[in-house]
């Protein structure tokens, strides 16, 4: 059974608590003022979003943000530098949005003249629960690198949201031409769901990314974040199709990329598949205690790019059709999870002290993929296994003692990195390449070792 930080804190506080009378009076006073109301307009919803200790139900139906933010209110918001469409700034509320769709015309971003990295809808209060909302973006209005939704307050729960994200430039190339500097083409991103507040629970939420930006991403060292039954789905496009363009942003820069390919050329290379969004689930900084259960990333750049050294735990997670499925820093724990190498590697293991077990899905394509996995670091335990009776037919090497390519870009070459005290088990039948910086490891495999330049490694072949 899941135990959140809130339930643990509650358990610790159950005995020997002295609550002053003045606090009790304030507590009962706030409860007495609490309301359970049903509202039918965004204007009234915004009023309650700034209040506390209420249960608010928004009447089922479709609400257009443009009807709420008319010309007069937009001008007033710009003057007072109030850039959020809605801000849930109150505490200890429950907001029920079952069968509610909020339509956002993305042109409103430009009319509000957003500063860089502005989130459109925010939860800045503490201890709130929001459930059931569908947010649909329409049009192609641009913002300078914002997100559609952000949880900035602490101890909030977001349940059963569905968010359709769009409006970025350029869209259709992924990160081929940069991702925020240095750029060949300057991007205007739009991401999905940002978490900057600790002790956040995200349950049953789905993101459909039709913009260049991240799905779920964590910043400002937020910790104790729990995801369950969440999905991020993007779109993919082949580099061959991109190279057929006769006009547009890519054509205008002669298809020059921001990273070199394996021949050292800065140009879009045929044969690869690119995701048109960024990562499905992403950490920035040293985020601690980030947990995922039953979560899926599909057709994203990275599935779970969790390079924090603060520890992540994944259980029963899946990646399908990503440029790179899993990417881990220190202290990662992964169990009962799976992914394919259809368009790119299954795993980049760059950290240490990790315990990772992943099933390799048999999905294959005609796109160029250079490795099943790269593994470096110290004192890792890694198991890669085939699904029983259903394994890959195309050989992809497992590179031990190798780094990820520059910026993770599939077209770029891999480097070499130290790998020590690895306990590795391979039952995928895929071949293994051992680099020169690999020492004092234990390797069990049913795939052949095609190259061994390491020292003091114990290699056992499985039947």
Protein backbone atom coordinates (compact mmCIF):
# COMPACT_ATOMS: atom_id res chain seq x y z
CA UNK A 1 0.00 0.00 0.00
CA UNK A 2 1.31 3.43 -0.97
CA UNK A 3 2.36 5.56 1.97
CA UNK A 4 2.72 9.21 1.13
CA UNK A 5 4.76 11.69 3.10
CA UNK A 6 1.50 13.16 4.35
CA UNK A 7 0.31 9.88 5.85
CA UNK A 8 3.69 9.31 7.45
CA UNK A 9 3.66 12.78 8.98
CA UNK A 10 0.14 12.20 10.26
CA UNK A 11 1.19 8.95 11.88
CA UNK A 12 4.11 10.63 13.63
CA UNK A 13 1.85 13.36 14.97
CA UNK A 14 -0.85 11.10 16.43
CA UNK A 15 0.43 10.99 19.97
CA UNK A 16 1.38 13.59 22.54
CA UNK A 17 0.12 16.56 20.54
CA UNK A 18 -0.75 19.74 22.40
CA UNK A 19 -2.92 22.12 20.39
CA UNK A 20 -3.36 25.58 21.96
CA UNK A 21 -6.94 26.76 22.43
CA UNK A 22 -6.40 29.68 20.08
CA UNK A 23 -5.44 27.26 17.31
CA UNK A 24 -8.51 25.09 17.99
CA UNK A 25 -10.77 28.13 17.85
CA UNK A 26 -9.26 29.18 14.50
CA UNK A 27 -9.54 25.63 13.15
CA UNK A 28 -13.21 25.21 14.06
CA UNK A 29 -13.93 28.72 12.80
CA UNK A 30 -12.50 27.89 9.37
CA UNK A 31 -14.44 24.61 9.23
CA UNK A 32 -17.66 26.43 10.11
CA UNK A 33 -17.09 28.77 7.16
CA UNK A 34 -16.35 25.94 4.71
CA UNK A 35 -18.76 25.54 1.80
CA UNK A 36 -19.76 22.78 -0.57
CA UNK A 37 -20.92 24.56 -3.68
CA UNK A 38 -21.64 23.97 -7.36
CA UNK A 39 -20.65 26.76 -9.74
CA UNK A 40 -21.34 27.24 -13.42
CA UNK A 41 -18.87 29.90 -14.59
CA UNK A 42 -15.12 30.40 -14.70
CA UNK A 43 -15.56 33.75 -13.00
CA UNK A 44 -17.09 32.16 -9.90
CA UNK A 45 -14.57 29.34 -10.05
CA UNK A 46 -11.74 31.89 -9.99
CA UNK A 47 -13.33 33.47 -6.91
CA UNK A 48 -13.30 30.17 -5.02
CA UNK A 49 -9.82 29.29 -6.31
CA UNK A 50 -8.47 32.01 -4.01
CA UNK A 51 -10.47 30.80 -0.97
CA UNK A 52 -9.74 27.96 1.48
CA UNK A 53 -11.46 24.96 3.03
CA UNK A 54 -14.19 24.51 0.41
CA UNK A 55 -15.48 21.76 -1.86
CA UNK A 56 -16.27 23.26 -5.25
CA UNK A 57 -17.90 21.44 -8.16
CA UNK A 58 -17.84 23.05 -11.59
CA UNK A 59 -20.99 22.09 -13.48
CA UNK A 60 -20.32 19.62 -16.31
CA UNK A 61 -19.87 21.14 -19.73
CA UNK A 62 -17.46 22.92 -22.05
CA UNK A 63 -16.01 26.26 -20.97
CA UNK A 64 -14.08 28.54 -23.31
CA UNK A 65 -11.35 30.52 -21.61
CA UNK A 66 -11.70 33.26 -24.24
CA UNK A 67 -15.25 33.92 -23.02
CA UNK A 68 -13.95 34.47 -19.48
CA UNK A 69 -10.87 36.48 -20.45
CA UNK A 70 -12.50 39.15 -22.56
CA UNK A 71 -10.61 42.15 -23.88
CA UNK A 72 -11.13 44.30 -20.78
CA UNK A 73 -9.91 41.66 -18.34
CA UNK A 74 -6.89 40.86 -20.49
CA UNK A 75 -5.85 44.51 -20.49
CA UNK A 76 -6.30 44.68 -16.70
CA UNK A 77 -4.30 41.47 -16.18
CA UNK A 78 -1.44 42.79 -18.29
CA UNK A 79 -1.36 46.04 -16.34
CA UNK A 80 -1.13 44.26 -12.98
CA UNK A 81 1.25 41.62 -14.40
CA UNK A 82 -1.16 38.81 -13.61
CA UNK A 83 -0.30 36.31 -16.32
CA UNK A 84 -2.07 33.13 -15.16
CA UNK A 85 -5.42 32.21 -16.66
CA UNK A 86 -6.39 30.67 -13.31
CA UNK A 87 -4.49 30.43 -10.02
CA UNK A 88 -5.66 28.06 -7.30
CA UNK A 89 -4.04 29.97 -4.46
CA UNK A 90 -6.28 28.85 -1.59
CA UNK A 91 -5.58 25.99 0.79
CA UNK A 92 -7.28 22.69 1.66
CA UNK A 93 -9.87 22.79 -1.11
CA UNK A 94 -11.42 20.07 -3.22
CA UNK A 95 -12.24 21.02 -6.82
CA UNK A 96 -14.36 18.56 -8.80
CA UNK A 97 -14.29 18.98 -12.58
CA UNK A 98 -15.85 15.70 -13.70
CA UNK A 99 -17.07 15.92 -17.32
CA UNK A 100 -15.68 19.43 -17.63
CA UNK A 101 -13.63 20.57 -20.65
CA UNK A 102 -11.71 23.84 -20.56
CA UNK A 103 -10.86 25.09 -24.04
CA UNK A 104 -7.80 27.35 -24.26
CA UNK A 105 -7.28 29.40 -27.41
CA UNK A 106 -3.49 29.61 -27.51
CA UNK A 107 -3.64 33.08 -29.06
CA UNK A 108 -4.40 34.32 -25.54
CA UNK A 109 -0.74 33.68 -24.70
CA UNK A 110 0.33 36.38 -27.10
CA UNK A 111 -2.38 38.81 -26.00
CA UNK A 112 -1.27 38.44 -22.36
CA UNK A 113 2.36 39.02 -23.41
CA UNK A 114 3.75 36.26 -21.22
CA UNK A 115 7.26 36.58 -19.77
CA UNK A 116 9.56 33.63 -20.35
CA UNK A 117 8.69 30.39 -18.54
CA UNK A 118 5.16 31.41 -17.60
CA UNK A 119 2.72 28.66 -16.58
CA UNK A 120 -0.86 29.23 -17.69
CA UNK A 121 -2.86 27.53 -14.93
CA UNK A 122 -1.25 27.21 -11.50
CA UNK A 123 -1.88 25.62 -8.12
CA UNK A 124 0.04 27.75 -5.63
CA UNK A 125 -1.95 26.88 -2.53
CA UNK A 126 -1.34 23.99 -0.12
CA UNK A 127 -3.24 20.77 0.49
CA UNK A 128 -5.66 20.97 -2.43
CA UNK A 129 -7.19 18.21 -4.55
CA UNK A 130 -8.22 18.90 -8.16
CA UNK A 131 -9.85 16.14 -10.16
CA UNK A 132 -11.43 15.29 -13.48
CA UNK A 133 -10.55 18.27 -15.72
CA UNK A 134 -9.90 18.07 -19.46
CA UNK A 135 -7.85 20.96 -20.86
CA UNK A 136 -7.84 21.32 -24.64
CA UNK A 137 -5.50 23.77 -26.38
CA UNK A 138 -6.52 25.03 -29.82
CA UNK A 139 -4.67 27.16 -32.36
CA UNK A 140 -0.96 27.84 -32.61
CA UNK A 141 -0.38 30.83 -30.40
CA UNK A 142 3.16 30.90 -29.04
CA UNK A 143 4.73 31.54 -25.65
CA UNK A 144 8.39 31.92 -24.66
CA UNK A 145 8.81 28.55 -23.01
CA UNK A 146 5.91 28.00 -20.65
CA UNK A 147 3.75 25.13 -19.42
CA UNK A 148 0.02 24.59 -19.62
CA UNK A 149 -0.32 23.55 -15.97
CA UNK A 150 1.91 23.89 -12.89
CA UNK A 151 1.72 22.70 -9.29
CA UNK A 152 3.87 25.11 -7.27
CA UNK A 153 2.31 24.73 -3.82
CA UNK A 154 2.95 21.77 -1.50
CA UNK A 155 0.89 18.72 -0.57
CA UNK A 156 -1.46 18.94 -3.55
CA UNK A 157 -3.12 16.09 -5.44
CA UNK A 158 -4.10 16.22 -9.12
CA UNK A 159 -6.36 13.36 -10.25
CA UNK A 160 -7.68 12.22 -13.62
CA UNK A 161 -6.68 15.29 -15.63
CA UNK A 162 -6.38 15.03 -19.43
CA UNK A 163 -4.38 17.79 -21.12
CA UNK A 164 -3.97 18.34 -24.87
CA UNK A 165 -0.91 20.57 -25.35
CA UNK A 166 -0.06 22.52 -28.51
CA UNK A 167 1.41 25.78 -29.73
CA UNK A 168 5.22 25.83 -30.21
CA UNK A 169 7.73 26.84 -32.86
CA UNK A 170 9.11 25.15 -34.78
CA UNK A 171 6.98 22.02 -34.46
CA UNK A 172 7.75 18.96 -36.54
CA UNK A 173 11.50 18.47 -35.93
CA UNK A 174 12.00 17.62 -32.28
CA UNK A 175 15.33 18.91 -30.97
CA UNK A 176 17.24 18.62 -34.26
CA UNK A 177 17.81 22.38 -34.37
CA UNK A 178 18.35 23.04 -30.67
CA UNK A 179 16.34 23.04 -27.49
CA UNK A 180 16.88 26.36 -25.76
CA UNK A 181 20.44 27.36 -26.53
CA UNK A 182 22.61 27.09 -28.50
CA UNK A 183 20.08 26.89 -31.31
CA UNK A 184 20.18 26.80 -35.08
CA UNK A 185 16.49 27.76 -34.97
CA UNK A 186 15.32 29.66 -31.92
CA UNK A 187 12.59 27.67 -30.19
CA UNK A 188 9.39 28.81 -28.53
CA UNK A 189 8.46 25.80 -26.44
CA UNK A 190 5.22 24.83 -24.77
CA UNK A 191 5.39 22.10 -22.16
CA UNK A 192 2.64 20.22 -20.42
CA UNK A 193 2.74 19.77 -16.65
CA UNK A 194 5.38 21.36 -14.39
CA UNK A 195 5.88 20.41 -10.73
CA UNK A 196 7.83 22.81 -8.52
CA UNK A 197 6.05 22.06 -5.24
CA UNK A 198 7.05 19.15 -3.01
CA UNK A 199 4.78 16.38 -1.69
CA UNK A 200 2.71 16.34 -4.87
CA UNK A 201 0.58 13.37 -5.95
CA UNK A 202 -0.31 13.03 -9.66
CA UNK A 203 -2.82 10.25 -10.24
CA UNK A 204 -4.40 9.04 -13.47
CA UNK A 205 -3.31 12.06 -15.51
CA UNK A 206 -2.79 11.97 -19.29
CA UNK A 207 -0.86 14.37 -21.50
CA UNK A 208 -1.13 14.41 -25.29
CA UNK A 209 1.81 16.44 -26.56
CA UNK A 210 1.42 18.23 -29.88
CA UNK A 211 4.08 20.81 -29.12
CA UNK A 212 7.83 20.86 -28.59
CA UNK A 213 8.24 20.74 -24.83
CA UNK A 214 8.27 18.31 -21.91
CA UNK A 215 5.34 16.27 -20.67
CA UNK A 216 5.65 15.99 -16.89
CA UNK A 217 8.77 17.71 -15.54
CA UNK A 218 10.07 18.57 -12.07
CA UNK A 219 12.14 21.65 -11.23
CA UNK A 220 13.38 23.80 -8.30
CA UNK A 221 14.53 20.73 -6.33
CA UNK A 222 10.94 19.67 -5.61
CA UNK A 223 10.85 16.29 -3.88
CA UNK A 224 8.51 13.59 -2.60
CA UNK A 225 6.56 13.43 -5.85
CA UNK A 226 4.35 10.43 -6.62
CA UNK A 227 2.99 9.49 -10.07
CA UNK A 228 0.51 6.67 -10.60
CA UNK A 229 -1.35 5.55 -13.75
CA UNK A 230 -0.06 8.50 -15.78
CA UNK A 231 0.52 8.68 -19.55
CA UNK A 232 2.42 10.98 -21.89
CA UNK A 233 1.98 10.49 -25.63
CA UNK A 234 3.75 12.42 -28.39
CA UNK A 235 4.19 12.12 -32.15
CA UNK A 236 7.15 10.90 -34.21
CA UNK A 237 8.47 11.76 -37.65
CA UNK A 238 11.28 10.27 -39.73
CA UNK A 239 14.31 12.31 -40.71
CA UNK A 240 13.74 11.12 -44.29
CA UNK A 241 10.39 12.92 -44.31
CA UNK A 242 11.97 16.07 -42.87
CA UNK A 243 14.61 16.08 -45.61
CA UNK A 244 11.90 16.07 -48.30
CA UNK A 245 10.73 19.56 -47.31
CA UNK A 246 11.09 22.23 -50.01
CA UNK A 247 10.29 25.16 -47.73
CA UNK A 248 9.93 25.95 -44.04
CA UNK A 249 12.23 26.41 -41.03
CA UNK A 250 14.42 23.35 -41.65
CA UNK A 251 14.83 24.12 -45.34
CA UNK A 252 15.69 27.74 -44.53
CA UNK A 253 18.73 26.66 -42.44
CA UNK A 254 19.82 24.02 -45.00
CA UNK A 255 18.89 21.28 -42.49
CA UNK A 256 21.83 22.23 -40.28
CA UNK A 257 21.63 20.56 -36.84
CA UNK A 258 22.99 21.70 -33.50
CA UNK A 259 24.85 18.42 -32.79
CA UNK A 260 27.20 16.50 -35.10
CA UNK A 261 26.35 13.14 -36.61
CA UNK A 262 28.74 10.18 -36.61
CA UNK A 263 30.62 11.62 -39.58
CA UNK A 264 31.13 14.90 -37.73
CA UNK A 265 28.69 16.76 -39.96
CA UNK A 266 26.05 19.12 -38.58
CA UNK A 267 23.20 18.06 -40.83
CA UNK A 268 19.96 16.07 -40.59
CA UNK A 269 20.86 12.47 -41.37
CA UNK A 270 18.39 10.07 -43.04
CA UNK A 271 17.37 6.81 -41.42
CA UNK A 272 16.38 7.99 -37.94
CA UNK A 273 13.11 8.68 -36.17
CA UNK A 274 12.55 11.86 -34.14
CA UNK A 275 9.99 12.57 -31.47
CA UNK A 276 8.33 15.94 -31.97
CA UNK A 277 8.10 16.66 -28.24
CA UNK A 278 10.69 16.47 -25.47
CA UNK A 279 10.72 14.00 -22.57
CA UNK A 280 7.70 12.23 -21.14
CA UNK A 281 8.86 12.32 -17.51
CA UNK A 282 11.86 14.51 -16.64
CA UNK A 283 13.74 15.72 -13.56
CA UNK A 284 15.92 18.83 -13.27
CA UNK A 285 18.24 19.28 -10.31
CA UNK A 286 18.54 17.00 -7.31
CA UNK A 287 14.94 15.94 -6.87
CA UNK A 288 14.58 13.44 -4.02
CA UNK A 289 12.15 10.58 -3.57
CA UNK A 290 10.43 10.63 -6.96
CA UNK A 291 8.23 7.57 -7.47
CA UNK A 292 6.34 6.19 -10.46
CA UNK A 293 3.85 3.33 -10.62
CA UNK A 294 2.01 2.07 -13.72
CA UNK A 295 3.14 5.01 -15.87
CA UNK A 296 3.68 5.04 -19.65
CA UNK A 297 5.56 7.21 -22.14
CA UNK A 298 4.87 6.77 -25.85
CA UNK A 299 6.56 8.46 -28.82
CA UNK A 300 8.42 10.96 -26.63
CA UNK A 301 12.08 11.98 -26.94
CA UNK A 302 13.02 10.43 -23.60
CA UNK A 303 10.58 8.18 -21.82
CA UNK A 304 11.81 8.56 -18.25
CA UNK A 305 14.83 10.89 -18.21
CA UNK A 306 15.46 10.91 -14.46
CA UNK A 307 19.06 12.00 -14.00
CA UNK A 308 18.65 13.25 -10.44
CA UNK A 309 20.97 11.66 -7.89
CA UNK A 310 18.30 11.95 -5.19
CA UNK A 311 16.79 8.55 -5.88
CA UNK A 312 13.89 7.51 -8.11
CA UNK A 313 11.73 4.40 -7.92
CA UNK A 314 9.82 2.98 -10.89
CA UNK A 315 7.40 0.08 -10.69
CA UNK A 316 5.50 -1.41 -13.64
CA UNK A 317 6.34 1.39 -16.06
CA UNK A 318 6.45 1.19 -19.87
CA UNK A 319 8.14 3.09 -22.72
CA UNK A 320 7.12 2.63 -26.35
CA UNK A 321 8.63 4.29 -29.42
CA UNK A 322 10.92 6.80 -27.68
CA UNK A 323 14.27 8.08 -28.93
CA UNK A 324 15.66 6.79 -25.63
CA UNK A 325 13.51 4.95 -23.14
CA UNK A 326 15.19 5.22 -19.70
CA UNK A 327 18.04 7.45 -18.47
CA UNK A 328 19.13 7.25 -14.82
CA UNK A 329 21.47 8.95 -12.36
CA UNK A 330 22.48 7.63 -8.92
CA UNK A 331 20.37 5.43 -6.65
CA UNK A 332 17.65 4.56 -9.15
CA UNK A 333 15.46 1.52 -8.44
CA UNK A 334 13.48 0.00 -11.33
CA UNK A 335 11.39 -3.16 -11.14
CA UNK A 336 8.80 -4.91 -13.29
CA UNK A 337 9.23 -2.32 -16.06
CA UNK A 338 9.72 -2.61 -19.79
CA UNK A 339 10.49 -0.75 -22.99
CA UNK A 340 11.49 -1.13 -26.61
CA UNK A 341 14.42 -0.06 -28.73
CA UNK A 342 12.24 0.58 -31.77
CA UNK A 343 13.63 4.04 -32.55
CA UNK A 344 16.50 4.36 -30.07
CA UNK A 345 18.28 2.79 -27.08
CA UNK A 346 16.37 1.24 -24.21
CA UNK A 347 18.71 2.45 -21.46
CA UNK A 348 21.38 5.03 -20.65
CA UNK A 349 22.81 4.13 -17.22
CA UNK A 350 25.14 6.96 -16.21
CA UNK A 351 24.81 6.98 -12.40
CA UNK A 352 25.97 4.70 -9.59
CA UNK A 353 24.43 2.53 -6.88
CA UNK A 354 21.37 1.74 -9.00
CA UNK A 355 19.27 -1.42 -9.12
CA UNK A 356 17.58 -1.63 -12.52
CA UNK A 357 15.59 -4.50 -14.06
CA UNK A 358 13.93 -3.95 -17.45
CA UNK A 359 12.19 -6.25 -19.92
CA UNK A 360 13.03 -5.65 -23.57
CA UNK A 361 9.93 -5.45 -25.76
CA UNK A 362 10.34 -7.08 -29.19
CA UNK A 363 9.20 -4.03 -31.23
CA UNK A 364 11.50 -3.38 -34.19
CA UNK A 365 11.55 -0.97 -37.13
CA UNK A 366 13.66 -0.05 -40.13
CA UNK A 367 15.07 3.04 -38.32
CA UNK A 368 18.75 3.22 -37.39
CA UNK A 369 19.45 2.31 -33.75
CA UNK A 370 23.06 1.97 -32.59
CA UNK A 371 22.73 0.24 -29.20
CA UNK A 372 20.30 -1.46 -26.88
CA UNK A 373 21.94 0.16 -23.84
CA UNK A 374 25.00 2.03 -22.61
CA UNK A 375 26.17 1.39 -19.06
CA UNK A 376 28.73 3.26 -16.98
CA UNK A 377 29.09 4.17 -13.29
CA UNK A 378 30.02 2.31 -10.12
CA UNK A 379 28.33 -0.42 -8.10
CA UNK A 380 25.25 -0.82 -10.30
CA UNK A 381 23.06 -3.88 -10.61
CA UNK A 382 21.43 -4.08 -14.03
CA UNK A 383 19.29 -6.85 -15.52
CA UNK A 384 18.02 -6.81 -19.11
CA UNK A 385 15.72 -9.64 -20.05
CA UNK A 386 13.55 -10.70 -22.95
CA UNK A 387 9.85 -11.27 -22.55
CA UNK A 388 9.36 -15.01 -22.37
CA UNK A 389 8.92 -16.48 -25.85
CA UNK A 390 9.06 -13.09 -27.56
CA UNK A 391 12.46 -11.50 -28.17
CA UNK A 392 14.15 -9.19 -30.68
CA UNK A 393 15.46 -10.63 -33.92
CA UNK A 394 17.71 -7.69 -34.92
CA UNK A 395 20.98 -7.64 -32.98
CA UNK A 396 21.68 -4.49 -30.97
CA UNK A 397 24.85 -4.30 -28.87
CA UNK A 398 24.86 -3.64 -25.14
CA UNK A 399 27.74 -1.21 -24.60
CA UNK A 400 29.38 -1.57 -21.18
CA UNK A 401 31.81 1.23 -20.37
CA UNK A 402 30.29 3.66 -22.85
CA UNK A 403 28.54 7.00 -22.43
CA UNK A 404 25.38 8.25 -24.04
CA UNK A 405 25.87 10.26 -27.26
CA UNK A 406 26.17 14.03 -27.05
CA UNK A 407 22.90 15.47 -25.72
CA UNK A 408 21.42 11.99 -26.10
CA UNK A 409 21.05 12.53 -29.85
CA UNK A 410 20.81 9.19 -31.65
CA UNK A 411 22.74 10.43 -34.69
CA UNK A 412 25.76 11.42 -32.57
CA UNK A 413 28.65 9.12 -31.58
CA UNK A 414 29.08 7.48 -28.17
CA UNK A 415 32.05 8.09 -25.90
CA UNK A 416 33.67 5.83 -23.29
CA UNK A 417 33.22 6.05 -19.51
CA UNK A 418 34.42 4.10 -16.49
CA UNK A 419 32.35 1.16 -15.29
CA UNK A 420 33.31 -0.68 -12.09
CA UNK A 421 31.68 -3.18 -9.74
CA UNK A 422 28.79 -3.74 -12.11
CA UNK A 423 26.64 -6.82 -11.58
CA UNK A 424 25.05 -7.30 -15.01
CA UNK A 425 22.70 -10.05 -16.20
CA UNK A 426 21.68 -10.25 -19.85
CA UNK A 427 19.07 -12.76 -21.01
CA UNK A 428 18.07 -10.92 -24.21
CA UNK A 429 20.44 -12.82 -26.54
CA UNK A 430 21.83 -9.42 -27.56
CA UNK A 431 25.63 -9.10 -27.97
CA UNK A 432 27.85 -7.26 -25.48
CA UNK A 433 30.74 -4.88 -26.14
CA UNK A 434 33.09 -4.21 -23.19
CA UNK A 435 35.12 -1.00 -23.30
CA UNK A 436 38.64 -0.32 -22.06
CA UNK A 437 37.47 1.51 -18.90
CA UNK A 438 35.56 -1.52 -17.59
CA UNK A 439 37.14 -3.20 -14.54
CA UNK A 440 36.14 -5.57 -11.74
CA UNK A 441 32.65 -6.42 -12.97
CA UNK A 442 30.50 -9.54 -12.96
CA UNK A 443 28.73 -10.20 -16.26
CA UNK A 444 26.28 -13.04 -16.93
CA UNK A 445 24.96 -13.31 -20.48
CA UNK A 446 23.28 -15.56 -23.00
CA UNK A 447 24.47 -13.22 -25.75
CA UNK A 448 27.99 -13.33 -27.12
CA UNK A 449 30.69 -10.88 -25.98
CA UNK A 450 31.94 -9.55 -29.30
CA UNK A 451 34.64 -7.26 -27.89
CA UNK A 452 36.35 -7.27 -24.50
CA UNK A 453 38.91 -4.56 -23.77
CA UNK A 454 38.32 -4.45 -20.03
CA UNK A 455 40.31 -5.91 -17.13
CA UNK A 456 39.52 -8.20 -14.19
CA UNK A 457 35.97 -8.91 -15.28
CA UNK A 458 34.24 -12.22 -14.59
CA UNK A 459 32.15 -13.30 -17.58
CA UNK A 460 29.75 -16.25 -17.33
CA UNK A 461 27.75 -17.56 -20.27
CA UNK A 462 24.20 -18.64 -19.48
CA UNK A 463 22.65 -21.66 -21.16
